[in-house]
Amino acid sequence: MAAPPPPGSVPPPLDSAAAAQLPPTERPNPAYRELYQAYADAYGGIDRLRKALDPAVRTLNGTDAWLGPEARQWGGQLEATRGSLQKAADKILWDIYDRLSATRRTVARV
């Protein structure tokens, strides 16, 4: 699963100038603004999560200090966990992106 598109690919929340142009029956949706900000924040920091186990993999693969079947088994588990972590990072982004894409930028004024 690939990462979803960057935050700039979805419409930003309405600023005050755009909000002033709305019909009197509508207003900016605060939930959209929150989701957009959450998506931008998550998108900006998700690479740290994706790469969290990279140093451990480099250390294991870059040294002959630990060899043998146990080392290979542990290395295989480390690689599998790293793959799971990367998939989970993409799923987090996709979940926020899907929710953001399904949320209207405006709501009815009550």
PDB file of N, CA and C in Angstrom:
ATOM      1  N   MET A   1       0.849  -1.169   0.000  1.00  0.00           N
ATOM      2  CA  MET A   1       0.000   0.000   0.000  1.00  0.00           C
ATOM      3  C   MET A   1       0.898   1.237   0.000  1.00  0.00           C
ATOM      4  N   ALA A   2       0.662   2.095  -0.914  1.00  0.00           N
ATOM      5  CA  ALA A   2       1.439   3.335  -1.004  1.00  0.00           C
ATOM      6  C   ALA A   2       0.810   4.398  -0.110  1.00  0.00           C
ATOM      7  N   ALA A   3       1.582   5.404   0.198  1.00  0.00           N
ATOM      8  CA  ALA A   3       1.073   6.516   0.998  1.00  0.00           C
ATOM      9  C   ALA A   3       0.047   7.305   0.188  1.00  0.00           C
ATOM     10  N   PRO A   4      -0.917   7.886   0.863  1.00  0.00           N
ATOM     11  CA  PRO A   4      -1.904   8.711   0.152  1.00  0.00           C
ATOM     12  C   PRO A   4      -1.263  10.004  -0.335  1.00  0.00           C
ATOM     13  N   PRO A   5      -1.996  10.775  -1.127  1.00  0.00           N
ATOM     14  CA  PRO A   5      -1.447  12.030  -1.650  1.00  0.00           C
ATOM     15  C   PRO A   5      -1.129  13.021  -0.527  1.00  0.00           C
ATOM     16  N   PRO A   6      -0.250  13.967  -0.783  1.00  0.00           N
ATOM     17  CA  PRO A   6       0.105  14.951   0.244  1.00  0.00           C
ATOM     18  C   PRO A   6      -1.074  15.865   0.581  1.00  0.00           C
ATOM     19  N   PRO A   7      -1.011  16.520   1.733  1.00  0.00           N
ATOM     20  CA  PRO A   7      -2.113  17.391   2.152  1.00  0.00           C
ATOM     21  C   PRO A   7      -2.463  18.467   1.127  1.00  0.00           C
ATOM     22  N   GLY A   8      -1.493  18.948   0.375  1.00  0.00           N
ATOM     23  CA  GLY A   8      -1.769  19.982  -0.625  1.00  0.00           C
ATOM     24  C   GLY A   8      -2.662  19.512  -1.756  1.00  0.00           C
ATOM     25  N   SER A   9      -2.911  18.205  -1.848  1.00  0.00           N
ATOM     26  CA  SER A   9      -3.756  17.691  -2.922  1.00  0.00           C
ATOM     27  C   SER A   9      -5.243  17.742  -2.573  1.00  0.00           C
ATOM     28  N   VAL A  10      -5.562  18.042  -1.324  1.00  0.00           N
ATOM     29  CA  VAL A  10      -6.967  18.200  -0.928  1.00  0.00           C
ATOM     30  C   VAL A  10      -7.211  19.682  -0.647  1.00  0.00           C
ATOM     31  N   PRO A  11      -8.433  20.147  -0.849  1.00  0.00           N
ATOM     32  CA  PRO A  11      -8.696  21.575  -0.618  1.00  0.00           C
ATOM     33  C   PRO A  11      -8.411  21.963   0.834  1.00  0.00           C
ATOM     34  N   PRO A  12      -7.734  23.075   1.049  1.00  0.00           N
ATOM     35  CA  PRO A  12      -7.473  23.511   2.423  1.00  0.00           C
ATOM     36  C   PRO A  12      -8.758  24.004   3.077  1.00  0.00           C
ATOM     37  N   PRO A  13      -8.743  24.132   4.392  1.00  0.00           N
ATOM     38  CA  PRO A  13      -9.911  24.721   5.061  1.00  0.00           C
ATOM     39  C   PRO A  13     -10.139  26.139   4.550  1.00  0.00           C
ATOM     40  N   LEU A  14     -11.350  26.588   4.651  1.00  0.00           N
ATOM     41  CA  LEU A  14     -11.673  27.933   4.179  1.00  0.00           C
ATOM     42  C   LEU A  14     -11.051  28.979   5.101  1.00  0.00           C
ATOM     43  N   ASP A  15     -10.387  29.960   4.498  1.00  0.00           N
ATOM     44  CA  ASP A  15      -9.859  31.064   5.288  1.00  0.00           C
ATOM     45  C   ASP A  15     -10.960  32.101   5.496  1.00  0.00           C
ATOM     46  N   SER A  16     -10.675  33.150   6.221  1.00  0.00           N
ATOM     47  CA  SER A  16     -11.710  34.129   6.554  1.00  0.00           C
ATOM     48  C   SER A  16     -12.247  34.842   5.313  1.00  0.00           C
ATOM     49  N   ALA A  17     -11.394  35.076   4.314  1.00  0.00           N
ATOM     50  CA  ALA A  17     -11.863  35.736   3.089  1.00  0.00           C
ATOM     51  C   ALA A  17     -12.834  34.835   2.333  1.00  0.00           C
ATOM     52  N   ALA A  18     -12.493  33.556   2.231  1.00  0.00           N
ATOM     53  CA  ALA A  18     -13.387  32.616   1.540  1.00  0.00           C
ATOM     54  C   ALA A  18     -14.666  32.407   2.341  1.00  0.00           C
ATOM     55  N   ALA A  19     -14.556  32.388   3.650  1.00  0.00           N
ATOM     56  CA  ALA A  19     -15.741  32.210   4.500  1.00  0.00           C
ATOM     57  C   ALA A  19     -16.712  33.369   4.337  1.00  0.00           C
ATOM     58  N   ALA A  20     -16.161  34.565   4.124  1.00  0.00           N
ATOM     59  CA  ALA A  20     -17.015  35.738   3.942  1.00  0.00           C
ATOM     60  C   ALA A  20     -17.822  35.652   2.650  1.00  0.00           C
ATOM     61  N   GLN A  21     -17.361  34.852   1.687  1.00  0.00           N
ATOM     62  CA  GLN A  21     -18.052  34.707   0.403  1.00  0.00           C
ATOM     63  C   GLN A  21     -19.129  33.621   0.432  1.00  0.00           C
ATOM     64  N   LEU A  22     -19.227  32.895   1.528  1.00  0.00           N
ATOM     65  CA  LEU A  22     -20.218  31.822   1.616  1.00  0.00           C
ATOM     66  C   LEU A  22     -21.622  32.400   1.703  1.00  0.00           C
ATOM     67  N   PRO A  23     -22.603  31.629   1.242  1.00  0.00           N
ATOM     68  CA  PRO A  23     -23.992  32.069   1.446  1.00  0.00           C
ATOM     69  C   PRO A  23     -24.283  32.170   2.947  1.00  0.00           C
ATOM     70  N   PRO A  24     -25.249  32.979   3.329  1.00  0.00           N
ATOM     71  CA  PRO A  24     -25.529  33.164   4.755  1.00  0.00           C
ATOM     72  C   PRO A  24     -25.993  31.885   5.466  1.00  0.00           C
ATOM     73  N   THR A  25     -26.359  30.899   4.707  1.00  0.00           N
ATOM     74  CA  THR A  25     -26.829  29.644   5.315  1.00  0.00           C
ATOM     75  C   THR A  25     -25.702  28.655   5.590  1.00  0.00           C
ATOM     76  N   GLU A  26     -24.456  29.014   5.208  1.00  0.00           N
ATOM     77  CA  GLU A  26     -23.323  28.098   5.403  1.00  0.00           C
ATOM     78  C   GLU A  26     -22.204  28.778   6.175  1.00  0.00           C
ATOM     79  N   ARG A  27     -21.383  27.923   6.780  1.00  0.00           N
ATOM     80  CA  ARG A  27     -20.198  28.394   7.501  1.00  0.00           C
ATOM     81  C   ARG A  27     -19.106  27.341   7.337  1.00  0.00           C
ATOM     82  N   PRO A  28     -17.839  27.720   7.556  1.00  0.00           N
ATOM     83  CA  PRO A  28     -16.769  26.722   7.469  1.00  0.00           C
ATOM     84  C   PRO A  28     -16.988  25.604   8.491  1.00  0.00           C
ATOM     85  N   ASN A  29     -16.646  24.402   8.091  1.00  0.00           N
ATOM     86  CA  ASN A  29     -16.808  23.233   8.955  1.00  0.00           C
ATOM     87  C   ASN A  29     -15.572  23.104   9.863  1.00  0.00           C
ATOM     88  N   PRO A  30     -15.724  23.273  11.171  1.00  0.00           N
ATOM     89  CA  PRO A  30     -14.558  23.154  12.062  1.00  0.00           C
ATOM     90  C   PRO A  30     -13.968  21.732  12.064  1.00  0.00           C
ATOM     91  N   ALA A  31     -14.790  20.737  11.834  1.00  0.00           N
ATOM     92  CA  ALA A  31     -14.282  19.354  11.784  1.00  0.00           C
ATOM     93  C   ALA A  31     -13.344  19.178  10.590  1.00  0.00           C
ATOM     94  N   TYR A  32     -13.657  19.834   9.481  1.00  0.00           N
ATOM     95  CA  TYR A  32     -12.786  19.752   8.302  1.00  0.00           C
ATOM     96  C   TYR A  32     -11.428  20.378   8.617  1.00  0.00           C
ATOM     97  N   ARG A  33     -11.453  21.532   9.268  1.00  0.00           N
ATOM     98  CA  ARG A  33     -10.196  22.204   9.632  1.00  0.00           C
ATOM     99  C   ARG A  33      -9.359  21.302  10.542  1.00  0.00           C
ATOM    100  N   GLU A  34      -9.973  20.671  11.533  1.00  0.00           N
ATOM    101  CA  GLU A  34      -9.256  19.781  12.453  1.00  0.00           C
ATOM    102  C   GLU A  34      -8.676  18.572  11.723  1.00  0.00           C
ATOM    103  N   LEU A  35      -9.474  17.967  10.854  1.00  0.00           N
ATOM    104  CA  LEU A  35      -8.988  16.806  10.100  1.00  0.00           C
ATOM    105  C   LEU A  35      -7.854  17.191   9.159  1.00  0.00           C
ATOM    106  N   TYR A  36      -7.996  18.323   8.512  1.00  0.00           N
ATOM    107  CA  TYR A  36      -6.947  18.781   7.598  1.00  0.00           C
ATOM    108  C   TYR A  36      -5.637  18.989   8.360  1.00  0.00           C
ATOM    109  N   GLN A  37      -5.723  19.629   9.525  1.00  0.00           N
ATOM    110  CA  GLN A  37      -4.528  19.875  10.326  1.00  0.00           C
ATOM    111  C   GLN A  37      -3.941  18.558  10.832  1.00  0.00           C
ATOM    112  N   ALA A  38      -4.793  17.641  11.254  1.00  0.00           N
ATOM    113  CA  ALA A  38      -4.313  16.333  11.708  1.00  0.00           C
ATOM    114  C   ALA A  38      -3.616  15.598  10.570  1.00  0.00           C
ATOM    115  N   TYR A  39      -4.170  15.687   9.378  1.00  0.00           N
ATOM    116  CA  TYR A  39      -3.579  15.021   8.220  1.00  0.00           C
ATOM    117  C   TYR A  39      -2.220  15.636   7.878  1.00  0.00           C
ATOM    118  N   ALA A  40      -2.161  16.963   7.878  1.00  0.00           N
ATOM    119  CA  ALA A  40      -0.892  17.640   7.578  1.00  0.00           C
ATOM    120  C   ALA A  40       0.167  17.278   8.628  1.00  0.00           C
ATOM    121  N   ASP A  41      -0.226  17.272   9.887  1.00  0.00           N
ATOM    122  CA  ASP A  41       0.723  16.924  10.954  1.00  0.00           C
ATOM    123  C   ASP A  41       1.193  15.482  10.821  1.00  0.00           C
ATOM    124  N   ALA A  42       0.254  14.563  10.613  1.00  0.00           N
ATOM    125  CA  ALA A  42       0.613  13.144  10.488  1.00  0.00           C
ATOM    126  C   ALA A  42       1.477  12.920   9.251  1.00  0.00           C
ATOM    127  N   TYR A  43       1.117  13.544   8.152  1.00  0.00           N
ATOM    128  CA  TYR A  43       1.869  13.367   6.905  1.00  0.00           C
ATOM    129  C   TYR A  43       3.304  13.859   7.070  1.00  0.00           C
ATOM    130  N   GLY A  44       3.454  14.967   7.801  1.00  0.00           N
ATOM    131  CA  GLY A  44       4.778  15.528   7.999  1.00  0.00           C
ATOM    132  C   GLY A  44       5.675  14.686   8.900  1.00  0.00           C
ATOM    133  N   GLY A  45       5.081  13.927   9.810  1.00  0.00           N
ATOM    134  CA  GLY A  45       5.880  13.157  10.750  1.00  0.00           C
ATOM    135  C   GLY A  45       5.885  11.662  10.538  1.00  0.00           C
ATOM    136  N   ILE A  46       5.169  11.195   9.539  1.00  0.00           N
ATOM    137  CA  ILE A  46       4.994   9.749   9.383  1.00  0.00           C
ATOM    138  C   ILE A  46       6.281   9.046   8.960  1.00  0.00           C
ATOM    139  N   ASP A  47       7.181   9.749   8.302  1.00  0.00           N
ATOM    140  CA  ASP A  47       8.440   9.113   7.897  1.00  0.00           C
ATOM    141  C   ASP A  47       9.259   8.672   9.101  1.00  0.00           C
ATOM    142  N   ARG A  48       9.184   9.427  10.199  1.00  0.00           N
ATOM    143  CA  ARG A  48       9.891   9.005  11.417  1.00  0.00           C
ATOM    144  C   ARG A  48       9.363   7.661  11.899  1.00  0.00           C
ATOM    145  N   LEU A  49       8.060   7.469  11.823  1.00  0.00           N
ATOM    146  CA  LEU A  49       7.468   6.192  12.223  1.00  0.00           C
ATOM    147  C   LEU A  49       7.874   5.085  11.258  1.00  0.00           C
ATOM    148  N   ARG A  50       7.790   5.371   9.951  1.00  0.00           N
ATOM    149  CA  ARG A  50       8.152   4.368   8.945  1.00  0.00           C
ATOM    150  C   ARG A  50       9.589   3.884   9.097  1.00  0.00           C
ATOM    151  N   LYS A  51      10.476   4.793   9.490  1.00  0.00           N
ATOM    152  CA  LYS A  51      11.906   4.482   9.540  1.00  0.00           C
ATOM    153  C   LYS A  51      12.406   4.154  10.944  1.00  0.00           C
ATOM    154  N   ALA A  52      11.503   3.986  11.899  1.00  0.00           N
ATOM    155  CA  ALA A  52      11.896   3.792  13.298  1.00  0.00           C
ATOM    156  C   ALA A  52      12.786   2.574  13.502  1.00  0.00           C
ATOM    157  N   LEU A  53      12.580   1.519  12.738  1.00  0.00           N
ATOM    158  CA  LEU A  53      13.371   0.296  12.926  1.00  0.00           C
ATOM    159  C   LEU A  53      14.555   0.190  11.968  1.00  0.00           C
ATOM    160  N   ASP A  54      14.732   1.166  11.102  1.00  0.00           N
ATOM    161  CA  ASP A  54      15.852   1.121  10.155  1.00  0.00           C
ATOM    162  C   ASP A  54      17.217   1.041  10.836  1.00  0.00           C
ATOM    163  N   PRO A  55      17.464   1.814  11.904  1.00  0.00           N
ATOM    164  CA  PRO A  55      18.778   1.696  12.550  1.00  0.00           C
ATOM    165  C   PRO A  55      19.059   0.286  13.089  1.00  0.00           C
ATOM    166  N   ALA A  56      18.048  -0.357  13.639  1.00  0.00           N
ATOM    167  CA  ALA A  56      18.242  -1.718  14.150  1.00  0.00           C
ATOM    168  C   ALA A  56      18.567  -2.691  13.016  1.00  0.00           C
ATOM    169  N   VAL A  57      17.898  -2.528  11.885  1.00  0.00           N
ATOM    170  CA  VAL A  57      18.167  -3.391  10.728  1.00  0.00           C
ATOM    171  C   VAL A  57      19.584  -3.146  10.218  1.00  0.00           C
ATOM    172  N   ARG A  58      19.980  -1.875  10.116  1.00  0.00           N
ATOM    173  CA  ARG A  58      21.337  -1.564   9.661  1.00  0.00           C
ATOM    174  C   ARG A  58      22.384  -2.146  10.611  1.00  0.00           C
ATOM    175  N   THR A  59      22.148  -2.033  11.902  1.00  0.00           N
ATOM    176  CA  THR A  59      23.089  -2.564  12.881  1.00  0.00           C
ATOM    177  C   THR A  59      23.203  -4.076  12.751  1.00  0.00           C
ATOM    178  N   LEU A  60      22.072  -4.748  12.657  1.00  0.00           N
ATOM    179  CA  LEU A  60      22.084  -6.209  12.542  1.00  0.00           C
ATOM    180  C   LEU A  60      22.777  -6.659  11.263  1.00  0.00           C
ATOM    181  N   ASN A  61      22.484  -5.986  10.163  1.00  0.00           N
ATOM    182  CA  ASN A  61      23.052  -6.388   8.877  1.00  0.00           C
ATOM    183  C   ASN A  61      24.476  -5.870   8.661  1.00  0.00           C
ATOM    184  N   GLY A  62      24.889  -4.900   9.462  1.00  0.00           N
ATOM    185  CA  GLY A  62      26.187  -4.276   9.236  1.00  0.00           C
ATOM    186  C   GLY A  62      27.302  -4.822  10.105  1.00  0.00           C
ATOM    187  N   THR A  63      27.043  -5.875  10.827  1.00  0.00           N
ATOM    188  CA  THR A  63      28.077  -6.404  11.711  1.00  0.00           C
ATOM    189  C   THR A  63      28.059  -7.924  11.693  1.00  0.00           C
ATOM    190  N   ASP A  64      29.182  -8.499  12.014  1.00  0.00           N
ATOM    191  CA  ASP A  64      29.279  -9.953  12.125  1.00  0.00           C
ATOM    192  C   ASP A  64      29.259 -10.382  13.590  1.00  0.00           C
ATOM    193  N   ALA A  65      28.843  -9.470  14.472  1.00  0.00           N
ATOM    194  CA  ALA A  65      28.881  -9.760  15.902  1.00  0.00           C
ATOM    195  C   ALA A  65      27.893 -10.854  16.292  1.00  0.00           C
ATOM    196  N   TRP A  66      26.820 -10.978  15.546  1.00  0.00           N
ATOM    197  CA  TRP A  66      25.814 -11.973  15.895  1.00  0.00           C
ATOM    198  C   TRP A  66      25.479 -12.754  14.640  1.00  0.00           C
ATOM    199  N   LEU A  67      25.878 -13.998  14.606  1.00  0.00           N
ATOM    200  CA  LEU A  67      25.674 -14.867  13.448  1.00  0.00           C
ATOM    201  C   LEU A  67      24.965 -16.141  13.903  1.00  0.00           C
ATOM    202  N   GLY A  68      24.424 -16.842  12.974  1.00  0.00           N
ATOM    203  CA  GLY A  68      23.821 -18.127  13.288  1.00  0.00           C
ATOM    204  C   GLY A  68      22.322 -18.116  13.095  1.00  0.00           C
ATOM    205  N   PRO A  69      21.691 -19.272  13.347  1.00  0.00           N
ATOM    206  CA  PRO A  69      20.255 -19.406  13.097  1.00  0.00           C
ATOM    207  C   PRO A  69      19.408 -18.457  13.958  1.00  0.00           C
ATOM    208  N   GLU A  70      19.819 -18.237  15.204  1.00  0.00           N
ATOM    209  CA  GLU A  70      19.040 -17.322  16.052  1.00  0.00           C
ATOM    210  C   GLU A  70      19.094 -15.900  15.500  1.00  0.00           C
ATOM    211  N   ALA A  71      20.263 -15.500  15.055  1.00  0.00           N
ATOM    212  CA  ALA A  71      20.412 -14.154  14.480  1.00  0.00           C
ATOM    213  C   ALA A  71      19.560 -14.016  13.225  1.00  0.00           C
ATOM    214  N   ARG A  72      19.569 -15.029  12.383  1.00  0.00           N
ATOM    215  CA  ARG A  72      18.753 -14.973  11.154  1.00  0.00           C
ATOM    216  C   ARG A  72      17.263 -14.944  11.500  1.00  0.00           C
ATOM    217  N   GLN A  73      16.865 -15.731  12.495  1.00  0.00           N
ATOM    218  CA  GLN A  73      15.456 -15.756  12.890  1.00  0.00           C
ATOM    219  C   GLN A  73      15.038 -14.387  13.449  1.00  0.00           C
ATOM    220  N   TRP A  74      15.868 -13.849  14.326  1.00  0.00           N
ATOM    221  CA  TRP A  74      15.561 -12.556  14.900  1.00  0.00           C
ATOM    222  C   TRP A  74      15.550 -11.477  13.820  1.00  0.00           C
ATOM    223  N   GLY A  75      16.498 -11.549  12.885  1.00  0.00           N
ATOM    224  CA  GLY A  75      16.538 -10.593  11.777  1.00  0.00           C
ATOM    225  C   GLY A  75      15.297 -10.683  10.910  1.00  0.00           C
ATOM    226  N   GLY A  76      14.823 -11.904  10.680  1.00  0.00           N
ATOM    227  CA  GLY A  76      13.584 -12.080   9.912  1.00  0.00           C
ATOM    228  C   GLY A  76      12.389 -11.469  10.629  1.00  0.00           C
ATOM    229  N   GLN A  77      12.341 -11.652  11.944  1.00  0.00           N
ATOM    230  CA  GLN A  77      11.250 -11.058  12.730  1.00  0.00           C
ATOM    231  C   GLN A  77      11.344  -9.528  12.719  1.00  0.00           C
ATOM    232  N   LEU A  78      12.564  -9.024  12.795  1.00  0.00           N
ATOM    233  CA  LEU A  78      12.773  -7.584  12.754  1.00  0.00           C
ATOM    234  C   LEU A  78      12.302  -7.014  11.416  1.00  0.00           C
ATOM    235  N   GLU A  79      12.660  -7.674  10.330  1.00  0.00           N
ATOM    236  CA  GLU A  79      12.219  -7.223   8.994  1.00  0.00           C
ATOM    237  C   GLU A  79      10.697  -7.270   8.874  1.00  0.00           C
ATOM    238  N   ALA A  80      10.088  -8.342   9.380  1.00  0.00           N
ATOM    239  CA  ALA A  80       8.625  -8.469   9.311  1.00  0.00           C
ATOM    240  C   ALA A  80       7.963  -7.360  10.128  1.00  0.00           C
ATOM    241  N   THR A  81       8.507  -7.081  11.295  1.00  0.00           N
ATOM    242  CA  THR A  81       7.950  -6.022  12.138  1.00  0.00           C
ATOM    243  C   THR A  81       8.131  -4.668  11.482  1.00  0.00           C
ATOM    244  N   ARG A  82       9.270  -4.449  10.855  1.00  0.00           N
ATOM    245  CA  ARG A  82       9.497  -3.188  10.142  1.00  0.00           C
ATOM    246  C   ARG A  82       8.479  -3.029   9.014  1.00  0.00           C
ATOM    247  N   GLY A  83       8.217  -4.098   8.276  1.00  0.00           N
ATOM    248  CA  GLY A  83       7.207  -4.040   7.220  1.00  0.00           C
ATOM    249  C   GLY A  83       5.821  -3.747   7.773  1.00  0.00           C
ATOM    250  N   SER A  84       5.484  -4.370   8.902  1.00  0.00           N
ATOM    251  CA  SER A  84       4.183  -4.122   9.542  1.00  0.00           C
ATOM    252  C   SER A  84       4.067  -2.671  10.003  1.00  0.00           C
ATOM    253  N   LEU A  85       5.143  -2.143  10.540  1.00  0.00           N
ATOM    254  CA  LEU A  85       5.155  -0.762  10.991  1.00  0.00           C
ATOM    255  C   LEU A  85       4.952   0.189   9.821  1.00  0.00           C
ATOM    256  N   GLN A  86       5.593  -0.087   8.704  1.00  0.00           N
ATOM    257  CA  GLN A  86       5.433   0.764   7.524  1.00  0.00           C
ATOM    258  C   GLN A  86       4.002   0.701   6.998  1.00  0.00           C
ATOM    259  N   LYS A  87       3.410  -0.484   6.989  1.00  0.00           N
ATOM    260  CA  LYS A  87       2.015  -0.619   6.545  1.00  0.00           C
ATOM    261  C   LYS A  87       1.077   0.106   7.493  1.00  0.00           C
ATOM    262  N   ALA A  88       1.342   0.000   8.796  1.00  0.00           N
ATOM    263  CA  ALA A  88       0.505   0.685   9.774  1.00  0.00           C
ATOM    264  C   ALA A  88       0.591   2.201   9.594  1.00  0.00           C
ATOM    265  N   ALA A  89       1.781   2.710   9.302  1.00  0.00           N
ATOM    266  CA  ALA A  89       1.944   4.147   9.068  1.00  0.00           C
ATOM    267  C   ALA A  89       1.105   4.588   7.872  1.00  0.00           C
ATOM    268  N   ASP A  90       1.149   3.819   6.798  1.00  0.00           N
ATOM    269  CA  ASP A  90       0.339   4.159   5.626  1.00  0.00           C
ATOM    270  C   ASP A  90      -1.149   4.068   5.938  1.00  0.00           C
ATOM    271  N   LYS A  91      -1.546   3.084   6.731  1.00  0.00           N
ATOM    272  CA  LYS A  91      -2.963   2.930   7.085  1.00  0.00           C
ATOM    273  C   LYS A  91      -3.441   4.125   7.904  1.00  0.00           C
ATOM    274  N   ILE A  92      -2.614   4.592   8.822  1.00  0.00           N
ATOM    275  CA  ILE A  92      -2.976   5.776   9.606  1.00  0.00           C
ATOM    276  C   ILE A  92      -3.262   6.944   8.666  1.00  0.00           C
ATOM    277  N   LEU A  93      -2.346   7.171   7.733  1.00  0.00           N
ATOM    278  CA  LEU A  93      -2.544   8.280   6.789  1.00  0.00           C
ATOM    279  C   LEU A  93      -3.789   8.072   5.941  1.00  0.00           C
ATOM    280  N   TRP A  94      -3.979   6.858   5.422  1.00  0.00           N
ATOM    281  CA  TRP A  94      -5.157   6.594   4.596  1.00  0.00           C
ATOM    282  C   TRP A  94      -6.446   6.788   5.378  1.00  0.00           C
ATOM    283  N   ASP A  95      -6.467   6.381   6.642  1.00  0.00           N
ATOM    284  CA  ASP A  95      -7.672   6.558   7.457  1.00  0.00           C
ATOM    285  C   ASP A  95      -8.014   8.040   7.620  1.00  0.00           C
ATOM    286  N   ILE A  96      -7.005   8.851   7.922  1.00  0.00           N
ATOM    287  CA  ILE A  96      -7.263  10.289   8.068  1.00  0.00           C
ATOM    288  C   ILE A  96      -7.647  10.893   6.722  1.00  0.00           C
ATOM    289  N   TYR A  97      -6.935  10.512   5.668  1.00  0.00           N
ATOM    290  CA  TYR A  97      -7.227  11.036   4.326  1.00  0.00           C
ATOM    291  C   TYR A  97      -8.661  10.686   3.897  1.00  0.00           C
ATOM    292  N   ASP A  98      -9.054   9.437   4.107  1.00  0.00           N
ATOM    293  CA  ASP A  98     -10.412   9.018   3.719  1.00  0.00           C
ATOM    294  C   ASP A  98     -11.468   9.799   4.490  1.00  0.00           C
ATOM    295  N   ARG A  99     -11.231   9.989   5.771  1.00  0.00           N
ATOM    296  CA  ARG A  99     -12.185  10.745   6.583  1.00  0.00           C
ATOM    297  C   ARG A  99     -12.234  12.197   6.132  1.00  0.00           C
ATOM    298  N   LEU A 100     -11.067  12.778   5.865  1.00  0.00           N
ATOM    299  CA  LEU A 100     -10.999  14.156   5.393  1.00  0.00           C
ATOM    300  C   LEU A 100     -11.710  14.300   4.048  1.00  0.00           C
ATOM    301  N   SER A 101     -11.473  13.362   3.148  1.00  0.00           N
ATOM    302  CA  SER A 101     -12.084  13.421   1.813  1.00  0.00           C
ATOM    303  C   SER A 101     -13.603  13.291   1.879  1.00  0.00           C
ATOM    304  N   ALA A 102     -14.111  12.626   2.907  1.00  0.00           N
ATOM    305  CA  ALA A 102     -15.557  12.438   3.041  1.00  0.00           C
ATOM    306  C   ALA A 102     -16.226  13.562   3.838  1.00  0.00           C
ATOM    307  N   THR A 103     -15.429  14.498   4.343  1.00  0.00           N
ATOM    308  CA  THR A 103     -15.956  15.585   5.162  1.00  0.00           C
ATOM    309  C   THR A 103     -16.146  16.841   4.334  1.00  0.00           C
ATOM    310  N   ARG A 104     -17.286  17.463   4.476  1.00  0.00           N
ATOM    311  CA  ARG A 104     -17.565  18.704   3.743  1.00  0.00           C
ATOM    312  C   ARG A 104     -16.783  19.866   4.352  1.00  0.00           C
ATOM    313  N   ARG A 105     -16.389  20.795   3.514  1.00  0.00           N
ATOM    314  CA  ARG A 105     -15.660  21.976   3.992  1.00  0.00           C
ATOM    315  C   ARG A 105     -16.588  22.978   4.660  1.00  0.00           C
ATOM    316  N   THR A 106     -17.871  22.896   4.353  1.00  0.00           N
ATOM    317  CA  THR A 106     -18.852  23.817   4.960  1.00  0.00           C
ATOM    318  C   THR A 106     -19.973  23.015   5.595  1.00  0.00           C
ATOM    319  N   VAL A 107     -20.636  23.648   6.535  1.00  0.00           N
ATOM    320  CA  VAL A 107     -21.822  23.063   7.183  1.00  0.00           C
ATOM    321  C   VAL A 107     -22.902  24.150   7.230  1.00  0.00           C
ATOM    322  N   ALA A 108     -24.106  23.695   7.481  1.00  0.00           N
ATOM    323  CA  ALA A 108     -25.219  24.638   7.572  1.00  0.00           C
ATOM    324  C   ALA A 108     -25.073  25.496   8.830  1.00  0.00           C
ATOM    325  N   ARG A 109     -25.391  26.756   8.671  1.00  0.00           N
ATOM    326  CA  ARG A 109     -25.361  27.678   9.814  1.00  0.00           C
ATOM    327  C   ARG A 109     -26.654  27.457  10.599  1.00  0.00           C
ATOM    328  N   VAL A 110     -26.514  27.275  11.883  1.00  0.00           N
ATOM    329  CA  VAL A 110     -27.703  27.036  12.713  1.00  0.00           C
ATOM    330  C   VAL A 110     -28.005  28.214  13.596  1.00  0.00           C
TER     331      VAL A 110
END
